[in-house]
Amino acid sequence: MAKKEANGSDPVNHPGHYTAGGIECIDALESMATGYKDTVQAGLAWQIIKYIWRCPLKGKPLEDAKKAEFYLHRLIEKLEAR
């Protein structure tokens, strides 16, 4: 069982950097992914949104933005190859 942090956040099941706002990141990602027929493209889009979502919350915004950019370029390559 995950141990809660001092701020009440559950770092394993509901980390604070994914639960800020009115919807948990994983719920939004699951909803977004259902629109993709290609699972690889869905996975890349998932990563993009995940890193953008946590960008201002985890303490390394530039690193998270660059990770999102990396996955965005890969998604664009997949789309262009079609």
PDB file of N, CA and C in Angstrom:
ATOM      1  N   MET A   1       0.838  -1.176   0.000  1.00  0.00           N
ATOM      2  CA  MET A   1       0.000   0.000   0.000  1.00  0.00           C
ATOM      3  C   MET A   1       0.884   1.241   0.000  1.00  0.00           C
ATOM      4  N   ALA A   2       0.526   2.214  -0.816  1.00  0.00           N
ATOM      5  CA  ALA A   2       1.318   3.438  -0.930  1.00  0.00           C
ATOM      6  C   ALA A   2       1.188   4.292   0.325  1.00  0.00           C
ATOM      7  N   LYS A   3       2.297   4.879   0.698  1.00  0.00           N
ATOM      8  CA  LYS A   3       2.334   5.763   1.859  1.00  0.00           C
ATOM      9  C   LYS A   3       2.033   7.185   1.412  1.00  0.00           C
ATOM     10  N   LYS A   4       1.134   7.862   2.107  1.00  0.00           N
ATOM     11  CA  LYS A   4       0.790   9.236   1.754  1.00  0.00           C
ATOM     12  C   LYS A   4       1.885  10.183   2.204  1.00  0.00           C
ATOM     13  N   GLU A   5       2.105  11.221   1.389  1.00  0.00           N
ATOM     14  CA  GLU A   5       3.071  12.250   1.730  1.00  0.00           C
ATOM     15  C   GLU A   5       2.455  13.190   2.752  1.00  0.00           C
ATOM     16  N   ALA A   6       3.269  14.067   3.321  1.00  0.00           N
ATOM     17  CA  ALA A   6       2.821  15.008   4.346  1.00  0.00           C
ATOM     18  C   ALA A   6       1.659  15.887   3.863  1.00  0.00           C
ATOM     19  N   ASN A   7       1.629  16.183   2.563  1.00  0.00           N
ATOM     20  CA  ASN A   7       0.563  17.032   2.024  1.00  0.00           C
ATOM     21  C   ASN A   7      -0.703  16.241   1.679  1.00  0.00           C
ATOM     22  N   GLY A   8      -0.730  14.949   2.011  1.00  0.00           N
ATOM     23  CA  GLY A   8      -1.903  14.120   1.747  1.00  0.00           C
ATOM     24  C   GLY A   8      -1.889  13.447   0.386  1.00  0.00           C
ATOM     25  N   SER A   9      -0.897  13.741  -0.430  1.00  0.00           N
ATOM     26  CA  SER A   9      -0.779  13.160  -1.763  1.00  0.00           C
ATOM     27  C   SER A   9      -0.303  11.713  -1.670  1.00  0.00           C
ATOM     28  N   ASP A  10      -0.803  10.869  -2.520  1.00  0.00           N
ATOM     29  CA  ASP A  10      -0.372   9.478  -2.617  1.00  0.00           C
ATOM     30  C   ASP A  10       0.588   9.405  -3.801  1.00  0.00           C
ATOM     31  N   PRO A  11       1.908   9.303  -3.555  1.00  0.00           N
ATOM     32  CA  PRO A  11       2.889   9.398  -4.631  1.00  0.00           C
ATOM     33  C   PRO A  11       2.847   8.263  -5.646  1.00  0.00           C
ATOM     34  N   VAL A  12       2.211   7.168  -5.334  1.00  0.00           N
ATOM     35  CA  VAL A  12       2.131   6.036  -6.256  1.00  0.00           C
ATOM     36  C   VAL A  12       0.819   6.061  -7.041  1.00  0.00           C
ATOM     37  N   ASN A  13      -0.304   6.118  -6.345  1.00  0.00           N
ATOM     38  CA  ASN A  13      -1.607   6.010  -6.995  1.00  0.00           C
ATOM     39  C   ASN A  13      -2.201   7.343  -7.450  1.00  0.00           C
ATOM     40  N   HIS A  14      -1.885   8.407  -6.762  1.00  0.00           N
ATOM     41  CA  HIS A  14      -2.452   9.720  -7.084  1.00  0.00           C
ATOM     42  C   HIS A  14      -1.441  10.822  -6.778  1.00  0.00           C
ATOM     43  N   PRO A  15      -0.303  10.853  -7.503  1.00  0.00           N
ATOM     44  CA  PRO A  15       0.707  11.864  -7.212  1.00  0.00           C
ATOM     45  C   PRO A  15       0.182  13.280  -7.425  1.00  0.00           C
ATOM     46  N   GLY A  16       0.638  14.186  -6.578  1.00  0.00           N
ATOM     47  CA  GLY A  16       0.155  15.565  -6.619  1.00  0.00           C
ATOM     48  C   GLY A  16       0.331  16.244  -7.964  1.00  0.00           C
ATOM     49  N   HIS A  17       1.416  15.917  -8.688  1.00  0.00           N
ATOM     50  CA  HIS A  17       1.641  16.564  -9.979  1.00  0.00           C
ATOM     51  C   HIS A  17       0.722  16.019 -11.079  1.00  0.00           C
ATOM     52  N   TYR A  18      -0.078  15.022 -10.782  1.00  0.00           N
ATOM     53  CA  TYR A  18      -1.069  14.531 -11.738  1.00  0.00           C
ATOM     54  C   TYR A  18      -2.507  14.724 -11.255  1.00  0.00           C
ATOM     55  N   THR A  19      -2.677  15.253 -10.058  1.00  0.00           N
ATOM     56  CA  THR A  19      -4.035  15.410  -9.527  1.00  0.00           C
ATOM     57  C   THR A  19      -4.425  16.871  -9.333  1.00  0.00           C
ATOM     58  N   ALA A  20      -3.580  17.784  -9.749  1.00  0.00           N
ATOM     59  CA  ALA A  20      -3.912  19.207  -9.633  1.00  0.00           C
ATOM     60  C   ALA A  20      -5.039  19.539 -10.615  1.00  0.00           C
ATOM     61  N   GLY A  21      -5.992  20.302 -10.181  1.00  0.00           N
ATOM     62  CA  GLY A  21      -7.112  20.665 -11.043  1.00  0.00           C
ATOM     63  C   GLY A  21      -8.319  19.789 -10.790  1.00  0.00           C
ATOM     64  N   GLY A  22      -9.305  19.918 -11.633  1.00  0.00           N
ATOM     65  CA  GLY A  22     -10.568  19.236 -11.427  1.00  0.00           C
ATOM     66  C   GLY A  22     -10.637  17.813 -11.937  1.00  0.00           C
ATOM     67  N   ILE A  23      -9.613  17.353 -12.675  1.00  0.00           N
ATOM     68  CA  ILE A  23      -9.613  15.990 -13.213  1.00  0.00           C
ATOM     69  C   ILE A  23      -8.203  15.424 -13.076  1.00  0.00           C
ATOM     70  N   GLU A  24      -8.119  14.160 -12.747  1.00  0.00           N
ATOM     71  CA  GLU A  24      -6.809  13.527 -12.646  1.00  0.00           C
ATOM     72  C   GLU A  24      -6.274  13.253 -14.051  1.00  0.00           C
ATOM     73  N   CYS A  25      -4.989  13.454 -14.214  1.00  0.00           N
ATOM     74  CA  CYS A  25      -4.346  13.324 -15.518  1.00  0.00           C
ATOM     75  C   CYS A  25      -4.663  11.984 -16.192  1.00  0.00           C
ATOM     76  N   ILE A  26      -4.582  10.895 -15.465  1.00  0.00           N
ATOM     77  CA  ILE A  26      -4.792   9.575 -16.071  1.00  0.00           C
ATOM     78  C   ILE A  26      -6.206   9.428 -16.633  1.00  0.00           C
ATOM     79  N   ASP A  27      -7.182  10.050 -15.988  1.00  0.00           N
ATOM     80  CA  ASP A  27      -8.551   9.988 -16.497  1.00  0.00           C
ATOM     81  C   ASP A  27      -8.672  10.747 -17.817  1.00  0.00           C
ATOM     82  N   ALA A  28      -8.036  11.908 -17.894  1.00  0.00           N
ATOM     83  CA  ALA A  28      -8.045  12.688 -19.139  1.00  0.00           C
ATOM     84  C   ALA A  28      -7.302  11.932 -20.242  1.00  0.00           C
ATOM     85  N   LEU A  29      -6.180  11.299 -19.891  1.00  0.00           N
ATOM     86  CA  LEU A  29      -5.399  10.560 -20.877  1.00  0.00           C
ATOM     87  C   LEU A  29      -6.169   9.364 -21.423  1.00  0.00           C
ATOM     88  N   GLU A  30      -6.845   8.638 -20.551  1.00  0.00           N
ATOM     89  CA  GLU A  30      -7.633   7.492 -21.010  1.00  0.00           C
ATOM     90  C   GLU A  30      -8.714   7.935 -21.981  1.00  0.00           C
ATOM     91  N   SER A  31      -9.365   9.041 -21.674  1.00  0.00           N
ATOM     92  CA  SER A  31     -10.399   9.560 -22.557  1.00  0.00           C
ATOM     93  C   SER A  31      -9.814   9.982 -23.898  1.00  0.00           C
ATOM     94  N   MET A  32      -8.668  10.667 -23.869  1.00  0.00           N
ATOM     95  CA  MET A  32      -8.014  11.117 -25.090  1.00  0.00           C
ATOM     96  C   MET A  32      -7.588   9.937 -25.965  1.00  0.00           C
ATOM     97  N   ALA A  33      -7.037   8.906 -25.335  1.00  0.00           N
ATOM     98  CA  ALA A  33      -6.488   7.778 -26.085  1.00  0.00           C
ATOM     99  C   ALA A  33      -7.549   6.999 -26.853  1.00  0.00           C
ATOM    100  N   THR A  34      -8.791   7.047 -26.424  1.00  0.00           N
ATOM    101  CA  THR A  34      -9.838   6.287 -27.121  1.00  0.00           C
ATOM    102  C   THR A  34     -10.086   6.810 -28.529  1.00  0.00           C
ATOM    103  N   GLY A  35      -9.640   8.011 -28.824  1.00  0.00           N
ATOM    104  CA  GLY A  35      -9.832   8.574 -30.159  1.00  0.00           C
ATOM    105  C   GLY A  35      -8.816   8.083 -31.186  1.00  0.00           C
ATOM    106  N   TYR A  36      -7.811   7.355 -30.738  1.00  0.00           N
ATOM    107  CA  TYR A  36      -6.756   6.880 -31.646  1.00  0.00           C
ATOM    108  C   TYR A  36      -7.008   5.445 -32.062  1.00  0.00           C
ATOM    109  N   LYS A  37      -6.853   5.181 -33.356  1.00  0.00           N
ATOM    110  CA  LYS A  37      -6.955   3.806 -33.849  1.00  0.00           C
ATOM    111  C   LYS A  37      -5.592   3.124 -33.776  1.00  0.00           C
ATOM    112  N   ASP A  38      -4.527   3.896 -33.900  1.00  0.00           N
ATOM    113  CA  ASP A  38      -3.160   3.379 -33.858  1.00  0.00           C
ATOM    114  C   ASP A  38      -2.641   3.469 -32.425  1.00  0.00           C
ATOM    115  N   THR A  39      -2.288   2.323 -31.842  1.00  0.00           N
ATOM    116  CA  THR A  39      -1.870   2.312 -30.438  1.00  0.00           C
ATOM    117  C   THR A  39      -0.533   3.010 -30.212  1.00  0.00           C
ATOM    118  N   VAL A  40       0.355   2.972 -31.193  1.00  0.00           N
ATOM    119  CA  VAL A  40       1.635   3.667 -31.051  1.00  0.00           C
ATOM    120  C   VAL A  40       1.396   5.175 -31.010  1.00  0.00           C
ATOM    121  N   GLN A  41       0.559   5.666 -31.913  1.00  0.00           N
ATOM    122  CA  GLN A  41       0.237   7.090 -31.910  1.00  0.00           C
ATOM    123  C   GLN A  41      -0.449   7.487 -30.605  1.00  0.00           C
ATOM    124  N   ALA A  42      -1.325   6.642 -30.108  1.00  0.00           N
ATOM    125  CA  ALA A  42      -1.995   6.921 -28.832  1.00  0.00           C
ATOM    126  C   ALA A  42      -0.973   7.000 -27.706  1.00  0.00           C
ATOM    127  N   GLY A  43      -0.010   6.090 -27.702  1.00  0.00           N
ATOM    128  CA  GLY A  43       1.023   6.095 -26.677  1.00  0.00           C
ATOM    129  C   GLY A  43       1.885   7.340 -26.728  1.00  0.00           C
ATOM    130  N   LEU A  44       2.217   7.782 -27.929  1.00  0.00           N
ATOM    131  CA  LEU A  44       3.011   9.003 -28.069  1.00  0.00           C
ATOM    132  C   LEU A  44       2.216  10.222 -27.616  1.00  0.00           C
ATOM    133  N   ALA A  45       0.949  10.292 -28.003  1.00  0.00           N
ATOM    134  CA  ALA A  45       0.095  11.406 -27.577  1.00  0.00           C
ATOM    135  C   ALA A  45      -0.052  11.401 -26.056  1.00  0.00           C
ATOM    136  N   TRP A  46      -0.173  10.231 -25.479  1.00  0.00           N
ATOM    137  CA  TRP A  46      -0.277  10.077 -24.020  1.00  0.00           C
ATOM    138  C   TRP A  46       0.937  10.720 -23.345  1.00  0.00           C
ATOM    139  N   GLN A  47       2.131  10.394 -23.857  1.00  0.00           N
ATOM    140  CA  GLN A  47       3.357  10.935 -23.276  1.00  0.00           C
ATOM    141  C   GLN A  47       3.412  12.462 -23.410  1.00  0.00           C
ATOM    142  N   ILE A  48       3.025  12.966 -24.553  1.00  0.00           N
ATOM    143  CA  ILE A  48       3.039  14.419 -24.786  1.00  0.00           C
ATOM    144  C   ILE A  48       2.176  15.120 -23.746  1.00  0.00           C
ATOM    145  N   ILE A  49       0.948  14.671 -23.609  1.00  0.00           N
ATOM    146  CA  ILE A  49       0.012  15.306 -22.677  1.00  0.00           C
ATOM    147  C   ILE A  49       0.496  15.152 -21.238  1.00  0.00           C
ATOM    148  N   LYS A  50       1.010  13.970 -20.905  1.00  0.00           N
ATOM    149  CA  LYS A  50       1.499  13.724 -19.539  1.00  0.00           C
ATOM    150  C   LYS A  50       2.577  14.726 -19.147  1.00  0.00           C
ATOM    151  N   TYR A  51       3.547  14.926 -20.041  1.00  0.00           N
ATOM    152  CA  TYR A  51       4.637  15.839 -19.707  1.00  0.00           C
ATOM    153  C   TYR A  51       4.191  17.296 -19.702  1.00  0.00           C
ATOM    154  N   ILE A  52       3.289  17.671 -20.576  1.00  0.00           N
ATOM    155  CA  ILE A  52       2.766  19.042 -20.572  1.00  0.00           C
ATOM    156  C   ILE A  52       1.942  19.263 -19.303  1.00  0.00           C
ATOM    157  N   TRP A  53       1.157  18.266 -18.913  1.00  0.00           N
ATOM    158  CA  TRP A  53       0.308  18.360 -17.726  1.00  0.00           C
ATOM    159  C   TRP A  53       1.139  18.657 -16.481  1.00  0.00           C
ATOM    160  N   ARG A  54       2.232  17.905 -16.316  1.00  0.00           N
ATOM    161  CA  ARG A  54       3.016  18.045 -15.093  1.00  0.00           C
ATOM    162  C   ARG A  54       4.083  19.124 -15.175  1.00  0.00           C
ATOM    163  N   CYS A  55       4.263  19.703 -16.352  1.00  0.00           N
ATOM    164  CA  CYS A  55       5.312  20.683 -16.598  1.00  0.00           C
ATOM    165  C   CYS A  55       5.433  21.760 -15.507  1.00  0.00           C
ATOM    166  N   PRO A  56       4.354  22.423 -15.105  1.00  0.00           N
ATOM    167  CA  PRO A  56       4.510  23.460 -14.085  1.00  0.00           C
ATOM    168  C   PRO A  56       4.473  22.933 -12.647  1.00  0.00           C
ATOM    169  N   LEU A  57       4.303  21.618 -12.479  1.00  0.00           N
ATOM    170  CA  LEU A  57       4.025  21.069 -11.154  1.00  0.00           C
ATOM    171  C   LEU A  57       5.140  20.233 -10.536  1.00  0.00           C
ATOM    172  N   LYS A  58       6.069  19.746 -11.314  1.00  0.00           N
ATOM    173  CA  LYS A  58       7.037  18.779 -10.799  1.00  0.00           C
ATOM    174  C   LYS A  58       8.402  19.382 -10.493  1.00  0.00           C
ATOM    175  N   GLY A  59       8.612  20.651 -10.851  1.00  0.00           N
ATOM    176  CA  GLY A  59       9.860  21.302 -10.490  1.00  0.00           C
ATOM    177  C   GLY A  59      10.918  21.375 -11.579  1.00  0.00           C
ATOM    178  N   LYS A  60      10.667  20.743 -12.718  1.00  0.00           N
ATOM    179  CA  LYS A  60      11.612  20.795 -13.832  1.00  0.00           C
ATOM    180  C   LYS A  60      10.841  21.095 -15.116  1.00  0.00           C
ATOM    181  N   PRO A  61      10.258  22.300 -15.228  1.00  0.00           N
ATOM    182  CA  PRO A  61       9.383  22.585 -16.362  1.00  0.00           C
ATOM    183  C   PRO A  61      10.079  22.509 -17.719  1.00  0.00           C
ATOM    184  N   LEU A  62      11.295  22.986 -17.824  1.00  0.00           N
ATOM    185  CA  LEU A  62      11.987  22.933 -19.109  1.00  0.00           C
ATOM    186  C   LEU A  62      12.252  21.485 -19.519  1.00  0.00           C
ATOM    187  N   GLU A  63      12.675  20.662 -18.582  1.00  0.00           N
ATOM    188  CA  GLU A  63      12.923  19.244 -18.874  1.00  0.00           C
ATOM    189  C   GLU A  63      11.638  18.554 -19.323  1.00  0.00           C
ATOM    190  N   ASP A  64      10.544  18.810 -18.630  1.00  0.00           N
ATOM    191  CA  ASP A  64       9.270  18.193 -19.021  1.00  0.00           C
ATOM    192  C   ASP A  64       8.812  18.693 -20.389  1.00  0.00           C
ATOM    193  N   ALA A  65       9.012  19.981 -20.676  1.00  0.00           N
ATOM    194  CA  ALA A  65       8.638  20.525 -21.994  1.00  0.00           C
ATOM    195  C   ALA A  65       9.472  19.879 -23.093  1.00  0.00           C
ATOM    196  N   LYS A  66      10.742  19.654 -22.827  1.00  0.00           N
ATOM    197  CA  LYS A  66      11.603  19.012 -23.831  1.00  0.00           C
ATOM    198  C   LYS A  66      11.221  17.547 -24.039  1.00  0.00           C
ATOM    199  N   LYS A  67      10.816  16.874 -22.974  1.00  0.00           N
ATOM    200  CA  LYS A  67      10.342  15.494 -23.116  1.00  0.00           C
ATOM    201  C   LYS A  67       9.081  15.463 -23.972  1.00  0.00           C
ATOM    202  N   ALA A  68       8.170  16.390 -23.720  1.00  0.00           N
ATOM    203  CA  ALA A  68       6.948  16.471 -24.529  1.00  0.00           C
ATOM    204  C   ALA A  68       7.301  16.729 -25.982  1.00  0.00           C
ATOM    205  N   GLU A  69       8.254  17.610 -26.218  1.00  0.00           N
ATOM    206  CA  GLU A  69       8.695  17.929 -27.581  1.00  0.00           C
ATOM    207  C   GLU A  69       9.258  16.691 -28.272  1.00  0.00           C
ATOM    208  N   PHE A  70      10.045  15.905 -27.542  1.00  0.00           N
ATOM    209  CA  PHE A  70      10.616  14.672 -28.090  1.00  0.00           C
ATOM    210  C   PHE A  70       9.503  13.745 -28.605  1.00  0.00           C
ATOM    211  N   TYR A  71       8.487  13.535 -27.758  1.00  0.00           N
ATOM    212  CA  TYR A  71       7.385  12.655 -28.149  1.00  0.00           C
ATOM    213  C   TYR A  71       6.531  13.275 -29.252  1.00  0.00           C
ATOM    214  N   LEU A  72       6.401  14.590 -29.254  1.00  0.00           N
ATOM    215  CA  LEU A  72       5.649  15.251 -30.319  1.00  0.00           C
ATOM    216  C   LEU A  72       6.331  15.041 -31.665  1.00  0.00           C
ATOM    217  N   HIS A  73       7.651  15.168 -31.710  1.00  0.00           N
ATOM    218  CA  HIS A  73       8.374  14.938 -32.962  1.00  0.00           C
ATOM    219  C   HIS A  73       8.203  13.499 -33.442  1.00  0.00           C
ATOM    220  N   ARG A  74       8.233  12.569 -32.522  1.00  0.00           N
ATOM    221  CA  ARG A  74       8.020  11.158 -32.912  1.00  0.00           C
ATOM    222  C   ARG A  74       6.611  10.943 -33.455  1.00  0.00           C
ATOM    223  N   LEU A  75       5.614  11.577 -32.825  1.00  0.00           N
ATOM    224  CA  LEU A  75       4.238  11.457 -33.305  1.00  0.00           C
ATOM    225  C   LEU A  75       4.119  12.056 -34.703  1.00  0.00           C
ATOM    226  N   ILE A  76       4.718  13.196 -34.919  1.00  0.00           N
ATOM    227  CA  ILE A  76       4.670  13.847 -36.240  1.00  0.00           C
ATOM    228  C   ILE A  76       5.314  12.940 -37.284  1.00  0.00           C
ATOM    229  N   GLU A  77       6.448  12.322 -36.959  1.00  0.00           N
ATOM    230  CA  GLU A  77       7.088  11.389 -37.882  1.00  0.00           C
ATOM    231  C   GLU A  77       6.170  10.239 -38.249  1.00  0.00           C
ATOM    232  N   LYS A  78       5.464   9.692 -37.258  1.00  0.00           N
ATOM    233  CA  LYS A  78       4.525   8.588 -37.529  1.00  0.00           C
ATOM    234  C   LYS A  78       3.388   9.053 -38.439  1.00  0.00           C
ATOM    235  N   LEU A  79       2.877  10.239 -38.183  1.00  0.00           N
ATOM    236  CA  LEU A  79       1.774  10.765 -38.984  1.00  0.00           C
ATOM    237  C   LEU A  79       2.219  11.067 -40.420  1.00  0.00           C
ATOM    238  N   GLU A  80       3.418  11.583 -40.574  1.00  0.00           N
ATOM    239  CA  GLU A  80       3.937  11.890 -41.912  1.00  0.00           C
ATOM    240  C   GLU A  80       4.232  10.615 -42.709  1.00  0.00           C
ATOM    241  N   ALA A  81       4.537   9.536 -42.019  1.00  0.00           N
ATOM    242  CA  ALA A  81       4.872   8.285 -42.690  1.00  0.00           C
ATOM    243  C   ALA A  81       3.643   7.569 -43.241  1.00  0.00           C
ATOM    244  N   ARG A  82       2.477   7.998 -42.862  1.00  0.00           N
ATOM    245  CA  ARG A  82       1.246   7.315 -43.290  1.00  0.00           C
ATOM    246  C   ARG A  82       0.978   7.535 -44.726  1.00  0.00           C
TER     247      ARG A  82
END
